[in-house]
């Protein structure tokens, strides 16, 4: 999945795009699952609606006082 996101070095790719690409590829393996574009969009965005565990935000706030936050994708 990440190979396609990193093939254009220097271009930013959103996590959402990576999730959507992964979903589209996964669904090709299951042709009996027929999702509309709207259903695929809704499923792709599900991760944004997840409620974090109660200790996540206080823990991240404590870490933020001493560290810089960043997302990272391993280089291959």
PDB file of N, CA and C in Angstrom:
ATOM      1  N   UNK A   1       0.804  -1.191   0.000  1.00  0.00           N
ATOM      2  CA  UNK A   1       0.000   0.000   0.000  1.00  0.00           C
ATOM      3  C   UNK A   1       0.855   1.266   0.000  1.00  0.00           C
ATOM      4  N   UNK A   2       1.853   1.259   0.853  1.00  0.00           N
ATOM      5  CA  UNK A   2       2.670   2.460   0.963  1.00  0.00           C
ATOM      6  C   UNK A   2       3.558   2.674  -0.254  1.00  0.00           C
ATOM      7  N   UNK A   3       3.806   1.604  -1.005  1.00  0.00           N
ATOM      8  CA  UNK A   3       4.650   1.760  -2.185  1.00  0.00           C
ATOM      9  C   UNK A   3       4.053   2.779  -3.146  1.00  0.00           C
ATOM     10  N   UNK A   4       2.745   2.703  -3.340  1.00  0.00           N
ATOM     11  CA  UNK A   4       2.113   3.639  -4.265  1.00  0.00           C
ATOM     12  C   UNK A   4       2.117   5.052  -3.709  1.00  0.00           C
ATOM     13  N   UNK A   5       2.080   5.179  -2.394  1.00  0.00           N
ATOM     14  CA  UNK A   5       2.084   6.507  -1.784  1.00  0.00           C
ATOM     15  C   UNK A   5       3.455   7.150  -1.875  1.00  0.00           C
ATOM     16  N   UNK A   6       4.506   6.337  -1.942  1.00  0.00           N
ATOM     17  CA  UNK A   6       5.856   6.889  -1.947  1.00  0.00           C
ATOM     18  C   UNK A   6       6.500   6.881  -3.324  1.00  0.00           C
ATOM     19  N   UNK A   7       5.795   6.426  -4.337  1.00  0.00           N
ATOM     20  CA  UNK A   7       6.428   6.355  -5.655  1.00  0.00           C
ATOM     21  C   UNK A   7       6.760   7.734  -6.216  1.00  0.00           C
ATOM     22  N   UNK A   8       5.976   8.744  -5.848  1.00  0.00           N
ATOM     23  CA  UNK A   8       6.273  10.114  -6.257  1.00  0.00           C
ATOM     24  C   UNK A   8       6.963  10.807  -5.091  1.00  0.00           C
ATOM     25  N   UNK A   9       8.249  10.560  -4.962  1.00  0.00           N
ATOM     26  CA  UNK A   9       9.001  11.127  -3.845  1.00  0.00           C
ATOM     27  C   UNK A   9       8.839  12.641  -3.817  1.00  0.00           C
ATOM     28  N   UNK A  10       8.609  13.165  -2.634  1.00  0.00           N
ATOM     29  CA  UNK A  10       8.459  14.604  -2.480  1.00  0.00           C
ATOM     30  C   UNK A  10       7.020  15.072  -2.508  1.00  0.00           C
ATOM     31  N   UNK A  11       6.109  14.263  -3.016  1.00  0.00           N
ATOM     32  CA  UNK A  11       4.696  14.635  -3.024  1.00  0.00           C
ATOM     33  C   UNK A  11       4.043  14.093  -1.765  1.00  0.00           C
ATOM     34  N   UNK A  12       3.262  14.943  -1.118  1.00  0.00           N
ATOM     35  CA  UNK A  12       2.577  14.561   0.112  1.00  0.00           C
ATOM     36  C   UNK A  12       1.351  13.727  -0.218  1.00  0.00           C
ATOM     37  N   UNK A  13       1.138  12.674   0.541  1.00  0.00           N
ATOM     38  CA  UNK A  13      -0.031  11.822   0.374  1.00  0.00           C
ATOM     39  C   UNK A  13      -0.746  11.742   1.711  1.00  0.00           C
ATOM     40  N   UNK A  14      -2.030  11.994   1.708  1.00  0.00           N
ATOM     41  CA  UNK A  14      -2.787  11.953   2.965  1.00  0.00           C
ATOM     42  C   UNK A  14      -3.002  10.510   3.412  1.00  0.00           C
ATOM     43  N   UNK A  15      -3.124  10.339   4.720  1.00  0.00           N
ATOM     44  CA  UNK A  15      -3.415   9.022   5.271  1.00  0.00           C
ATOM     45  C   UNK A  15      -4.762   8.536   4.729  1.00  0.00           C
ATOM     46  N   UNK A  16      -5.687   9.443   4.585  1.00  0.00           N
ATOM     47  CA  UNK A  16      -7.001   9.096   4.049  1.00  0.00           C
ATOM     48  C   UNK A  16      -6.879   8.469   2.659  1.00  0.00           C
ATOM     49  N   UNK A  17      -6.020   9.047   1.823  1.00  0.00           N
ATOM     50  CA  UNK A  17      -5.815   8.499   0.477  1.00  0.00           C
ATOM     51  C   UNK A  17      -5.235   7.090   0.536  1.00  0.00           C
ATOM     52  N   UNK A  18      -4.328   6.878   1.457  1.00  0.00           N
ATOM     53  CA  UNK A  18      -3.737   5.546   1.611  1.00  0.00           C
ATOM     54  C   UNK A  18      -4.800   4.555   2.055  1.00  0.00           C
ATOM     55  N   UNK A  19      -5.660   4.961   3.001  1.00  0.00           N
ATOM     56  CA  UNK A  19      -6.737   4.084   3.456  1.00  0.00           C
ATOM     57  C   UNK A  19      -7.719   3.771   2.327  1.00  0.00           C
ATOM     58  N   UNK A  20      -8.049   4.793   1.538  1.00  0.00           N
ATOM     59  CA  UNK A  20      -9.003   4.570   0.437  1.00  0.00           C
ATOM     60  C   UNK A  20      -8.408   3.641  -0.608  1.00  0.00           C
ATOM     61  N   UNK A  21      -7.147   3.848  -0.958  1.00  0.00           N
ATOM     62  CA  UNK A  21      -6.488   2.961  -1.920  1.00  0.00           C
ATOM     63  C   UNK A  21      -6.463   1.524  -1.401  1.00  0.00           C
ATOM     64  N   UNK A  22      -6.187   1.373  -0.109  1.00  0.00           N
ATOM     65  CA  UNK A  22      -6.144   0.033   0.485  1.00  0.00           C
ATOM     66  C   UNK A  22      -7.519  -0.621   0.432  1.00  0.00           C
ATOM     67  N   UNK A  23      -8.553   0.141   0.719  1.00  0.00           N
ATOM     68  CA  UNK A  23      -9.920  -0.390   0.659  1.00  0.00           C
ATOM     69  C   UNK A  23     -10.268  -0.825  -0.758  1.00  0.00           C
ATOM     70  N   UNK A  24      -9.964   0.028  -1.727  1.00  0.00           N
ATOM     71  CA  UNK A  24     -10.276  -0.314  -3.123  1.00  0.00           C
ATOM     72  C   UNK A  24      -9.548  -1.587  -3.554  1.00  0.00           C
ATOM     73  N   UNK A  25      -8.298  -1.728  -3.157  1.00  0.00           N
ATOM     74  CA  UNK A  25      -7.542  -2.940  -3.508  1.00  0.00           C
ATOM     75  C   UNK A  25      -8.109  -4.162  -2.808  1.00  0.00           C
ATOM     76  N   UNK A  26      -8.461  -4.007  -1.540  1.00  0.00           N
ATOM     77  CA  UNK A  26      -9.029  -5.119  -0.788  1.00  0.00           C
ATOM     78  C   UNK A  26     -10.336  -5.595  -1.414  1.00  0.00           C
ATOM     79  N   UNK A  27     -11.164  -4.651  -1.827  1.00  0.00           N
ATOM     80  CA  UNK A  27     -12.459  -5.022  -2.395  1.00  0.00           C
ATOM     81  C   UNK A  27     -12.336  -5.739  -3.737  1.00  0.00           C
ATOM     82  N   UNK A  28     -11.229  -5.568  -4.432  1.00  0.00           N
ATOM     83  CA  UNK A  28     -11.041  -6.324  -5.675  1.00  0.00           C
ATOM     84  C   UNK A  28     -10.871  -7.813  -5.384  1.00  0.00           C
ATOM     85  N   UNK A  29     -10.425  -8.150  -4.167  1.00  0.00           N
ATOM     86  CA  UNK A  29     -10.288  -9.555  -3.767  1.00  0.00           C
ATOM     87  C   UNK A  29     -11.619 -10.172  -3.353  1.00  0.00           C
ATOM     88  N   UNK A  30     -12.632  -9.332  -3.153  1.00  0.00           N
ATOM     89  CA  UNK A  30     -13.950  -9.792  -2.713  1.00  0.00           C
ATOM     90  C   UNK A  30     -15.024  -9.216  -3.631  1.00  0.00           C
ATOM     91  N   UNK A  31     -15.127  -9.748  -4.852  1.00  0.00           N
ATOM     92  CA  UNK A  31     -16.056  -9.179  -5.839  1.00  0.00           C
ATOM     93  C   UNK A  31     -17.528  -9.254  -5.442  1.00  0.00           C
ATOM     94  N   UNK A  32     -17.861 -10.113  -4.473  1.00  0.00           N
ATOM     95  CA  UNK A  32     -19.261 -10.200  -4.044  1.00  0.00           C
ATOM     96  C   UNK A  32     -19.657  -9.023  -3.150  1.00  0.00           C
ATOM     97  N   UNK A  33     -18.670  -8.282  -2.651  1.00  0.00           N
ATOM     98  CA  UNK A  33     -18.967  -7.087  -1.853  1.00  0.00           C
ATOM     99  C   UNK A  33     -19.004  -5.903  -2.813  1.00  0.00           C
ATOM    100  N   UNK A  34     -20.190  -5.397  -3.039  1.00  0.00           N
ATOM    101  CA  UNK A  34     -20.383  -4.325  -4.009  1.00  0.00           C
ATOM    102  C   UNK A  34     -20.759  -3.041  -3.266  1.00  0.00           C
ATOM    103  N   UNK A  35     -19.785  -2.196  -3.023  1.00  0.00           N
ATOM    104  CA  UNK A  35     -20.027  -0.942  -2.318  1.00  0.00           C
ATOM    105  C   UNK A  35     -20.077   0.218  -3.303  1.00  0.00           C
ATOM    106  N   UNK A  36     -21.036   1.103  -3.093  1.00  0.00           N
ATOM    107  CA  UNK A  36     -21.113   2.300  -3.935  1.00  0.00           C
ATOM    108  C   UNK A  36     -19.975   3.251  -3.557  1.00  0.00           C
ATOM    109  N   UNK A  37     -19.768   4.261  -4.367  1.00  0.00           N
ATOM    110  CA  UNK A  37     -18.740   5.259  -4.074  1.00  0.00           C
ATOM    111  C   UNK A  37     -19.011   5.910  -2.722  1.00  0.00           C
ATOM    112  N   UNK A  38     -20.267   6.220  -2.450  1.00  0.00           N
ATOM    113  CA  UNK A  38     -20.623   6.831  -1.173  1.00  0.00           C
ATOM    114  C   UNK A  38     -20.324   5.920   0.009  1.00  0.00           C
ATOM    115  N   UNK A  39     -20.611   4.632  -0.145  1.00  0.00           N
ATOM    116  CA  UNK A  39     -20.327   3.680   0.917  1.00  0.00           C
ATOM    117  C   UNK A  39     -18.823   3.537   1.146  1.00  0.00           C
ATOM    118  N   UNK A  40     -18.071   3.558   0.056  1.00  0.00           N
ATOM    119  CA  UNK A  40     -16.609   3.486   0.184  1.00  0.00           C
ATOM    120  C   UNK A  40     -16.070   4.726   0.895  1.00  0.00           C
ATOM    121  N   UNK A  41     -16.624   5.885   0.562  1.00  0.00           N
ATOM    122  CA  UNK A  41     -16.197   7.127   1.221  1.00  0.00           C
ATOM    123  C   UNK A  41     -16.505   7.067   2.716  1.00  0.00           C
ATOM    124  N   UNK A  42     -17.715   6.610   3.038  1.00  0.00           N
ATOM    125  CA  UNK A  42     -18.111   6.527   4.448  1.00  0.00           C
ATOM    126  C   UNK A  42     -17.215   5.553   5.213  1.00  0.00           C
ATOM    127  N   UNK A  43     -16.929   4.408   4.610  1.00  0.00           N
ATOM    128  CA  UNK A  43     -16.066   3.423   5.254  1.00  0.00           C
ATOM    129  C   UNK A  43     -14.640   3.955   5.413  1.00  0.00           C
ATOM    130  N   UNK A  44     -14.149   4.666   4.408  1.00  0.00           N
ATOM    131  CA  UNK A  44     -12.815   5.244   4.470  1.00  0.00           C
ATOM    132  C   UNK A  44     -12.696   6.238   5.623  1.00  0.00           C
ATOM    133  N   UNK A  45     -13.747   6.996   5.862  1.00  0.00           N
ATOM    134  CA  UNK A  45     -13.706   8.038   6.898  1.00  0.00           C
ATOM    135  C   UNK A  45     -14.062   7.529   8.290  1.00  0.00           C
ATOM    136  N   UNK A  46     -14.382   6.247   8.418  1.00  0.00           N
ATOM    137  CA  UNK A  46     -14.786   5.694   9.711  1.00  0.00           C
ATOM    138  C   UNK A  46     -13.720   5.908  10.779  1.00  0.00           C
ATOM    139  N   UNK A  47     -12.461   5.742  10.432  1.00  0.00           N
ATOM    140  CA  UNK A  47     -11.386   5.867  11.423  1.00  0.00           C
ATOM    141  C   UNK A  47     -11.364   7.249  12.077  1.00  0.00           C
ATOM    142  N   UNK A  48     -11.844   8.277  11.367  1.00  0.00           N
ATOM    143  CA  UNK A  48     -11.861   9.628  11.932  1.00  0.00           C
ATOM    144  C   UNK A  48     -12.950   9.787  12.985  1.00  0.00           C
ATOM    145  N   UNK A  49     -13.934   8.916  12.976  1.00  0.00           N
ATOM    146  CA  UNK A  49     -15.048   9.020  13.921  1.00  0.00           C
ATOM    147  C   UNK A  49     -14.860   8.146  15.159  1.00  0.00           C
ATOM    148  N   UNK A  50     -13.782   7.396  15.216  1.00  0.00           N
ATOM    149  CA  UNK A  50     -13.546   6.541  16.370  1.00  0.00           C
ATOM    150  C   UNK A  50     -13.313   7.388  17.622  1.00  0.00           C
ATOM    151  N   UNK A  51     -13.878   6.958  18.725  1.00  0.00           N
ATOM    152  CA  UNK A  51     -13.701   7.652  19.996  1.00  0.00           C
ATOM    153  C   UNK A  51     -12.465   7.057  20.675  1.00  0.00           C
ATOM    154  N   UNK A  52     -11.493   7.903  21.051  1.00  0.00           N
ATOM    155  CA  UNK A  52     -10.285   7.360  21.679  1.00  0.00           C
ATOM    156  C   UNK A  52     -10.561   6.854  23.088  1.00  0.00           C
ATOM    157  N   UNK A  53      -9.696   6.006  23.578  1.00  0.00           N
ATOM    158  CA  UNK A  53      -9.795   5.551  24.954  1.00  0.00           C
ATOM    159  C   UNK A  53      -9.654   6.772  25.860  1.00  0.00           C
ATOM    160  N   UNK A  54     -10.251   6.730  27.036  1.00  0.00           N
ATOM    161  CA  UNK A  54     -10.271   7.905  27.906  1.00  0.00           C
ATOM    162  C   UNK A  54      -8.891   8.445  28.294  1.00  0.00           C
ATOM    163  N   UNK A  55      -7.877   7.594  28.322  1.00  0.00           N
ATOM    164  CA  UNK A  55      -6.557   8.066  28.750  1.00  0.00           C
ATOM    165  C   UNK A  55      -5.694   8.600  27.604  1.00  0.00           C
ATOM    166  N   UNK A  56      -6.183   8.530  26.382  1.00  0.00           N
ATOM    167  CA  UNK A  56      -5.366   8.933  25.237  1.00  0.00           C
ATOM    168  C   UNK A  56      -5.069  10.436  25.232  1.00  0.00           C
ATOM    169  N   UNK A  57      -6.095  11.255  25.310  1.00  0.00           N
ATOM    170  CA  UNK A  57      -5.874  12.710  25.223  1.00  0.00           C
ATOM    171  C   UNK A  57      -5.047  13.251  26.390  1.00  0.00           C
ATOM    172  N   UNK A  58      -5.329  12.861  27.628  1.00  0.00           N
ATOM    173  CA  UNK A  58      -4.452  13.337  28.705  1.00  0.00           C
ATOM    174  C   UNK A  58      -2.996  12.883  28.507  1.00  0.00           C
ATOM    175  N   UNK A  59      -2.820  11.642  28.049  1.00  0.00           N
ATOM    176  CA  UNK A  59      -1.464  11.145  27.823  1.00  0.00           C
ATOM    177  C   UNK A  59      -0.750  11.896  26.716  1.00  0.00           C
ATOM    178  N   UNK A  60      -1.445  12.151  25.612  1.00  0.00           N
ATOM    179  CA  UNK A  60      -0.830  12.906  24.509  1.00  0.00           C
ATOM    180  C   UNK A  60      -0.532  14.347  24.934  1.00  0.00           C
ATOM    181  N   UNK A  61      -1.417  14.927  25.729  1.00  0.00           N
ATOM    182  CA  UNK A  61      -1.178  16.292  26.209  1.00  0.00           C
ATOM    183  C   UNK A  61       0.079  16.356  27.081  1.00  0.00           C
ATOM    184  N   UNK A  62       0.279  15.340  27.910  1.00  0.00           N
ATOM    185  CA  UNK A  62       1.497  15.300  28.729  1.00  0.00           C
ATOM    186  C   UNK A  62       2.735  15.149  27.857  1.00  0.00           C
ATOM    187  N   UNK A  63       2.665  14.284  26.872  1.00  0.00           N
ATOM    188  CA  UNK A  63       3.810  14.095  25.975  1.00  0.00           C
ATOM    189  C   UNK A  63       4.131  15.363  25.191  1.00  0.00           C
ATOM    190  N   UNK A  64       3.086  16.087  24.813  1.00  0.00           N
ATOM    191  CA  UNK A  64       3.271  17.296  24.002  1.00  0.00           C
ATOM    192  C   UNK A  64       4.073  18.371  24.749  1.00  0.00           C
ATOM    193  N   UNK A  65       4.030  18.345  26.062  1.00  0.00           N
ATOM    194  CA  UNK A  65       4.790  19.320  26.855  1.00  0.00           C
ATOM    195  C   UNK A  65       6.294  19.134  26.692  1.00  0.00           C
ATOM    196  N   UNK A  66       6.723  17.911  26.392  1.00  0.00           N
ATOM    197  CA  UNK A  66       8.152  17.621  26.304  1.00  0.00           C
ATOM    198  C   UNK A  66       8.639  17.208  24.926  1.00  0.00           C
ATOM    199  N   UNK A  67       7.697  16.855  24.032  1.00  0.00           N
ATOM    200  CA  UNK A  67       8.101  16.325  22.734  1.00  0.00           C
ATOM    201  C   UNK A  67       7.287  16.951  21.617  1.00  0.00           C
ATOM    202  N   UNK A  68       7.839  16.922  20.414  1.00  0.00           N
ATOM    203  CA  UNK A  68       7.133  17.368  19.219  1.00  0.00           C
ATOM    204  C   UNK A  68       6.407  16.166  18.628  1.00  0.00           C
ATOM    205  N   UNK A  69       5.165  16.372  18.248  1.00  0.00           N
ATOM    206  CA  UNK A  69       4.386  15.310  17.620  1.00  0.00           C
ATOM    207  C   UNK A  69       4.629  15.300  16.120  1.00  0.00           C
ATOM    208  N   UNK A  70       4.657  14.129  15.553  1.00  0.00           N
ATOM    209  CA  UNK A  70       4.760  13.993  14.095  1.00  0.00           C
ATOM    210  C   UNK A  70       4.350  12.585  13.696  1.00  0.00           C
ATOM    211  N   UNK A  71       3.786  12.461  12.512  1.00  0.00           N
ATOM    212  CA  UNK A  71       3.535  11.135  11.974  1.00  0.00           C
ATOM    213  C   UNK A  71       4.707  10.786  11.087  1.00  0.00           C
ATOM    214  N   UNK A  72       4.965   9.514  10.968  1.00  0.00           N
ATOM    215  CA  UNK A  72       6.120   9.099  10.184  1.00  0.00           C
ATOM    216  C   UNK A  72       5.808   7.789   9.483  1.00  0.00           C
ATOM    217  N   UNK A  73       6.283   7.674   8.268  1.00  0.00           N
ATOM    218  CA  UNK A  73       6.196   6.444   7.517  1.00  0.00           C
ATOM    219  C   UNK A  73       7.613   5.937   7.326  1.00  0.00           C
ATOM    220  N   UNK A  74       7.881   4.704   7.660  1.00  0.00           N
ATOM    221  CA  UNK A  74       9.245   4.180   7.506  1.00  0.00           C
ATOM    222  C   UNK A  74       9.715   4.247   6.048  1.00  0.00           C
ATOM    223  N   UNK A  75      10.950   4.596   5.850  1.00  0.00           N
ATOM    224  CA  UNK A  75      11.548   4.608   4.514  1.00  0.00           C
ATOM    225  C   UNK A  75      11.951   3.186   4.154  1.00  0.00           C
ATOM    226  N   UNK A  76      11.758   2.848   2.920  1.00  0.00           N
ATOM    227  CA  UNK A  76      12.155   1.497   2.456  1.00  0.00           C
ATOM    228  C   UNK A  76      13.286   1.594   1.486  1.00  0.00           C
TER     229      UNK A  76
END
